[in-house]
Amino acid sequence: MPKDLIVKDEDVSNVAKALASGTRWEILKLLKVEALDVSRIAEKLGQTEANISAQIKIMENANLIETHYEPGVHGVRKVCKPAIDRIILTID
């Protein structure tokens, strides 16, 4: 069963902002294939970890992705995965 994100009213602009970036869209596509940590996403997209972290935060705030921390080689790593399979916008 797909996980739906039903978006209405005040949340529409937050989700629309998160989807409006090409980088964030590419991150979502990568995460649809496999869960990745911030450094691996940055490596795959040729961007800095700082930029990817900022993009991840925007997507977390829009409830598009979920994150958790795991032990890494040098401390902890933030692992990301999609929180949803589909987005449904409703007009009330």
N, C-alpha and C. Protein backbone atom coordinates (compact mmCIF):
# COMPACT_ATOMS: atom_id res chain seq x y z
N MET A 1 0.85 -1.18 0.00
CA MET A 1 0.00 0.00 0.00
C MET A 1 0.89 1.25 0.00
N PRO A 2 0.70 2.15 -0.94
CA PRO A 2 1.52 3.38 -0.99
C PRO A 2 1.27 4.27 0.22
N LYS A 3 2.33 4.94 0.64
CA LYS A 3 2.20 5.93 1.71
C LYS A 3 1.89 7.26 1.06
N ASP A 4 0.72 7.79 1.35
CA ASP A 4 0.29 9.06 0.76
C ASP A 4 0.52 10.21 1.72
N LEU A 5 0.90 11.34 1.16
CA LEU A 5 0.94 12.59 1.91
C LEU A 5 -0.20 13.42 1.36
N ILE A 6 -1.23 13.63 2.17
CA ILE A 6 -2.37 14.44 1.75
C ILE A 6 -2.13 15.86 2.24
N VAL A 7 -2.05 16.78 1.30
CA VAL A 7 -1.66 18.15 1.59
C VAL A 7 -2.83 19.08 1.29
N LYS A 8 -3.12 19.95 2.25
CA LYS A 8 -4.19 20.92 2.04
C LYS A 8 -3.88 22.21 2.76
N ASP A 9 -4.58 23.23 2.34
CA ASP A 9 -4.54 24.55 2.94
C ASP A 9 -3.11 25.08 3.15
N GLU A 10 -2.76 25.37 4.40
CA GLU A 10 -1.50 26.05 4.70
C GLU A 10 -0.26 25.21 4.38
N ASP A 11 -0.41 23.89 4.27
CA ASP A 11 0.74 23.03 4.00
C ASP A 11 1.12 22.98 2.53
N VAL A 12 0.23 23.41 1.64
CA VAL A 12 0.49 23.33 0.20
C VAL A 12 1.73 24.14 -0.17
N SER A 13 1.85 25.35 0.32
CA SER A 13 3.00 26.17 -0.06
C SER A 13 4.31 25.58 0.47
N ASN A 14 4.29 24.97 1.64
CA ASN A 14 5.48 24.35 2.21
C ASN A 14 5.94 23.17 1.34
N VAL A 15 5.01 22.33 0.93
CA VAL A 15 5.34 21.18 0.09
C VAL A 15 5.74 21.65 -1.30
N ALA A 16 5.03 22.64 -1.84
CA ALA A 16 5.36 23.16 -3.17
C ALA A 16 6.77 23.74 -3.18
N LYS A 17 7.15 24.44 -2.12
CA LYS A 17 8.50 24.99 -2.02
C LYS A 17 9.53 23.87 -2.01
N ALA A 18 9.25 22.82 -1.26
CA ALA A 18 10.19 21.70 -1.18
C ALA A 18 10.35 20.99 -2.52
N LEU A 19 9.31 20.95 -3.31
CA LEU A 19 9.36 20.27 -4.61
C LEU A 19 9.86 21.17 -5.73
N ALA A 20 9.95 22.47 -5.49
CA ALA A 20 10.30 23.44 -6.53
C ALA A 20 11.78 23.42 -6.91
N SER A 21 12.60 22.83 -6.11
CA SER A 21 14.04 22.81 -6.36
C SER A 21 14.45 21.57 -7.14
N GLY A 22 15.24 21.78 -8.17
CA GLY A 22 15.77 20.65 -8.93
C GLY A 22 16.63 19.74 -8.08
N THR A 23 17.41 20.33 -7.19
CA THR A 23 18.27 19.54 -6.30
C THR A 23 17.42 18.66 -5.39
N ARG A 24 16.39 19.24 -4.79
CA ARG A 24 15.54 18.46 -3.89
C ARG A 24 14.82 17.35 -4.65
N TRP A 25 14.42 17.63 -5.88
CA TRP A 25 13.76 16.61 -6.69
C TRP A 25 14.74 15.46 -6.97
N GLU A 26 15.99 15.78 -7.27
CA GLU A 26 17.00 14.75 -7.52
C GLU A 26 17.26 13.93 -6.25
N ILE A 27 17.26 14.59 -5.11
CA ILE A 27 17.44 13.87 -3.84
C ILE A 27 16.31 12.87 -3.64
N LEU A 28 15.08 13.30 -3.88
CA LEU A 28 13.93 12.39 -3.73
C LEU A 28 14.06 11.18 -4.66
N LYS A 29 14.50 11.42 -5.89
CA LYS A 29 14.67 10.31 -6.83
C LYS A 29 15.74 9.34 -6.36
N LEU A 30 16.85 9.85 -5.83
CA LEU A 30 17.90 8.98 -5.29
C LEU A 30 17.38 8.15 -4.12
N LEU A 31 16.64 8.80 -3.23
CA LEU A 31 16.16 8.12 -2.03
C LEU A 31 15.07 7.11 -2.35
N LYS A 32 14.38 7.27 -3.45
CA LYS A 32 13.37 6.30 -3.85
C LYS A 32 14.02 4.95 -4.16
N VAL A 33 15.28 4.98 -4.61
CA VAL A 33 16.02 3.77 -4.95
C VAL A 33 16.61 3.12 -3.69
N GLU A 34 17.18 3.96 -2.79
CA GLU A 34 17.81 3.44 -1.58
C GLU A 34 17.97 4.55 -0.55
N ALA A 35 17.98 4.17 0.72
CA ALA A 35 18.26 5.11 1.80
C ALA A 35 19.74 5.49 1.71
N LEU A 36 20.02 6.78 1.87
CA LEU A 36 21.40 7.27 1.77
C LEU A 36 21.69 8.27 2.88
N ASP A 37 22.96 8.35 3.27
CA ASP A 37 23.34 9.38 4.22
C ASP A 37 23.69 10.66 3.46
N VAL A 38 23.77 11.75 4.20
CA VAL A 38 23.99 13.07 3.60
C VAL A 38 25.26 13.11 2.75
N SER A 39 26.34 12.50 3.24
CA SER A 39 27.59 12.55 2.48
C SER A 39 27.50 11.79 1.17
N ARG A 40 26.78 10.67 1.15
CA ARG A 40 26.61 9.92 -0.10
C ARG A 40 25.74 10.68 -1.09
N ILE A 41 24.70 11.35 -0.59
CA ILE A 41 23.86 12.17 -1.48
C ILE A 41 24.70 13.28 -2.09
N ALA A 42 25.48 13.95 -1.26
CA ALA A 42 26.35 15.04 -1.74
C ALA A 42 27.31 14.52 -2.80
N GLU A 43 27.89 13.37 -2.55
CA GLU A 43 28.83 12.77 -3.50
C GLU A 43 28.15 12.45 -4.83
N LYS A 44 26.98 11.85 -4.78
CA LYS A 44 26.27 11.47 -6.00
C LYS A 44 25.83 12.68 -6.81
N LEU A 45 25.49 13.78 -6.13
CA LEU A 45 25.00 14.97 -6.82
C LEU A 45 26.10 16.01 -7.08
N GLY A 46 27.31 15.74 -6.58
CA GLY A 46 28.42 16.67 -6.79
C GLY A 46 28.21 17.99 -6.07
N GLN A 47 27.64 17.93 -4.87
CA GLN A 47 27.39 19.13 -4.09
C GLN A 47 28.01 18.99 -2.70
N THR A 48 28.03 20.09 -1.96
CA THR A 48 28.61 20.05 -0.62
C THR A 48 27.63 19.40 0.36
N GLU A 49 28.19 18.84 1.42
CA GLU A 49 27.35 18.26 2.47
C GLU A 49 26.51 19.34 3.15
N ALA A 50 27.07 20.54 3.29
CA ALA A 50 26.32 21.64 3.90
C ALA A 50 25.07 21.97 3.09
N ASN A 51 25.22 22.03 1.76
CA ASN A 51 24.07 22.33 0.91
C ASN A 51 23.04 21.20 0.99
N ILE A 52 23.49 19.97 0.92
CA ILE A 52 22.56 18.84 0.98
C ILE A 52 21.85 18.81 2.32
N SER A 53 22.55 19.10 3.40
CA SER A 53 21.92 19.15 4.73
C SER A 53 20.80 20.19 4.77
N ALA A 54 21.04 21.34 4.17
CA ALA A 54 20.01 22.39 4.12
C ALA A 54 18.81 21.92 3.31
N GLN A 55 19.07 21.24 2.20
CA GLN A 55 17.97 20.74 1.36
C GLN A 55 17.17 19.66 2.09
N ILE A 56 17.87 18.81 2.81
CA ILE A 56 17.23 17.74 3.58
C ILE A 56 16.30 18.33 4.63
N LYS A 57 16.76 19.39 5.30
CA LYS A 57 15.95 20.02 6.34
C LYS A 57 14.63 20.55 5.77
N ILE A 58 14.69 21.16 4.59
CA ILE A 58 13.48 21.67 3.95
C ILE A 58 12.52 20.52 3.64
N MET A 59 13.05 19.41 3.16
CA MET A 59 12.20 18.27 2.83
C MET A 59 11.65 17.58 4.08
N GLU A 60 12.43 17.58 5.15
CA GLU A 60 11.93 17.05 6.43
C GLU A 60 10.76 17.89 6.92
N ASN A 61 10.91 19.22 6.86
CA ASN A 61 9.85 20.12 7.32
C ASN A 61 8.58 19.98 6.51
N ALA A 62 8.70 19.52 5.27
CA ALA A 62 7.53 19.31 4.40
C ALA A 62 7.01 17.88 4.50
N ASN A 63 7.60 17.08 5.40
CA ASN A 63 7.20 15.68 5.61
C ASN A 63 7.39 14.80 4.37
N LEU A 64 8.38 15.13 3.55
CA LEU A 64 8.65 14.34 2.36
C LEU A 64 9.67 13.23 2.62
N ILE A 65 10.56 13.45 3.57
CA ILE A 65 11.55 12.42 3.90
C ILE A 65 11.63 12.23 5.41
N GLU A 66 12.17 11.07 5.79
CA GLU A 66 12.43 10.74 7.19
C GLU A 66 13.93 10.56 7.35
N THR A 67 14.44 10.91 8.51
CA THR A 67 15.87 10.72 8.77
C THR A 67 16.07 10.05 10.12
N HIS A 68 17.20 9.39 10.23
CA HIS A 68 17.63 8.84 11.51
C HIS A 68 19.16 8.83 11.51
N TYR A 69 19.72 8.68 12.67
CA TYR A 69 21.18 8.70 12.81
C TYR A 69 21.70 7.29 13.06
N GLU A 70 22.83 6.98 12.42
CA GLU A 70 23.52 5.70 12.60
C GLU A 70 24.99 5.96 12.87
N PRO A 71 25.67 5.04 13.55
CA PRO A 71 27.10 5.21 13.74
C PRO A 71 27.82 5.21 12.40
N GLY A 72 28.82 6.06 12.29
CA GLY A 72 29.63 6.14 11.07
C GLY A 72 31.09 5.97 11.41
N VAL A 73 31.93 6.07 10.41
CA VAL A 73 33.38 5.93 10.61
C VAL A 73 33.90 7.04 11.52
N HIS A 74 33.44 8.27 11.30
CA HIS A 74 33.89 9.42 12.09
C HIS A 74 32.70 10.07 12.78
N GLY A 75 32.10 9.39 13.72
CA GLY A 75 30.93 9.95 14.42
C GLY A 75 29.65 9.31 13.92
N VAL A 76 28.61 10.13 13.79
CA VAL A 76 27.33 9.61 13.33
C VAL A 76 27.04 10.12 11.92
N ARG A 77 26.17 9.41 11.24
CA ARG A 77 25.74 9.84 9.91
C ARG A 77 24.23 9.92 9.87
N LYS A 78 23.73 10.91 9.17
CA LYS A 78 22.29 11.13 9.05
C LYS A 78 21.81 10.40 7.80
N VAL A 79 20.97 9.39 8.00
CA VAL A 79 20.47 8.57 6.90
C VAL A 79 19.06 9.02 6.55
N CYS A 80 18.80 9.16 5.25
CA CYS A 80 17.53 9.68 4.77
C CYS A 80 16.81 8.65 3.92
N LYS A 81 15.48 8.67 4.01
CA LYS A 81 14.64 7.83 3.15
C LYS A 81 13.33 8.57 2.90
N PRO A 82 12.63 8.21 1.84
CA PRO A 82 11.36 8.88 1.57
C PRO A 82 10.33 8.56 2.66
N ALA A 83 9.54 9.53 3.01
CA ALA A 83 8.46 9.31 3.98
C ALA A 83 7.16 8.96 3.28
N ILE A 84 7.13 9.17 1.97
CA ILE A 84 5.89 9.02 1.20
C ILE A 84 6.18 8.39 -0.15
N ASP A 85 5.11 7.88 -0.76
CA ASP A 85 5.19 7.38 -2.13
C ASP A 85 4.45 8.31 -3.09
N ARG A 86 3.42 8.95 -2.59
CA ARG A 86 2.60 9.84 -3.42
C ARG A 86 2.23 11.10 -2.63
N ILE A 87 2.00 12.17 -3.35
CA ILE A 87 1.54 13.42 -2.76
C ILE A 87 0.19 13.74 -3.37
N ILE A 88 -0.78 13.98 -2.52
CA ILE A 88 -2.13 14.33 -2.98
C ILE A 88 -2.45 15.72 -2.46
N LEU A 89 -2.68 16.65 -3.38
CA LEU A 89 -3.09 18.02 -3.02
C LEU A 89 -4.59 18.10 -3.06
N THR A 90 -5.17 18.63 -2.01
CA THR A 90 -6.62 18.76 -1.97
C THR A 90 -7.01 20.23 -1.90
N ILE A 91 -8.11 20.55 -2.55
CA ILE A 91 -8.65 21.90 -2.52
C ILE A 91 -9.97 21.82 -1.75
N ASP A 92 -9.99 22.48 -0.61
CA ASP A 92 -11.21 22.48 0.22
C ASP A 92 -11.96 23.76 0.05
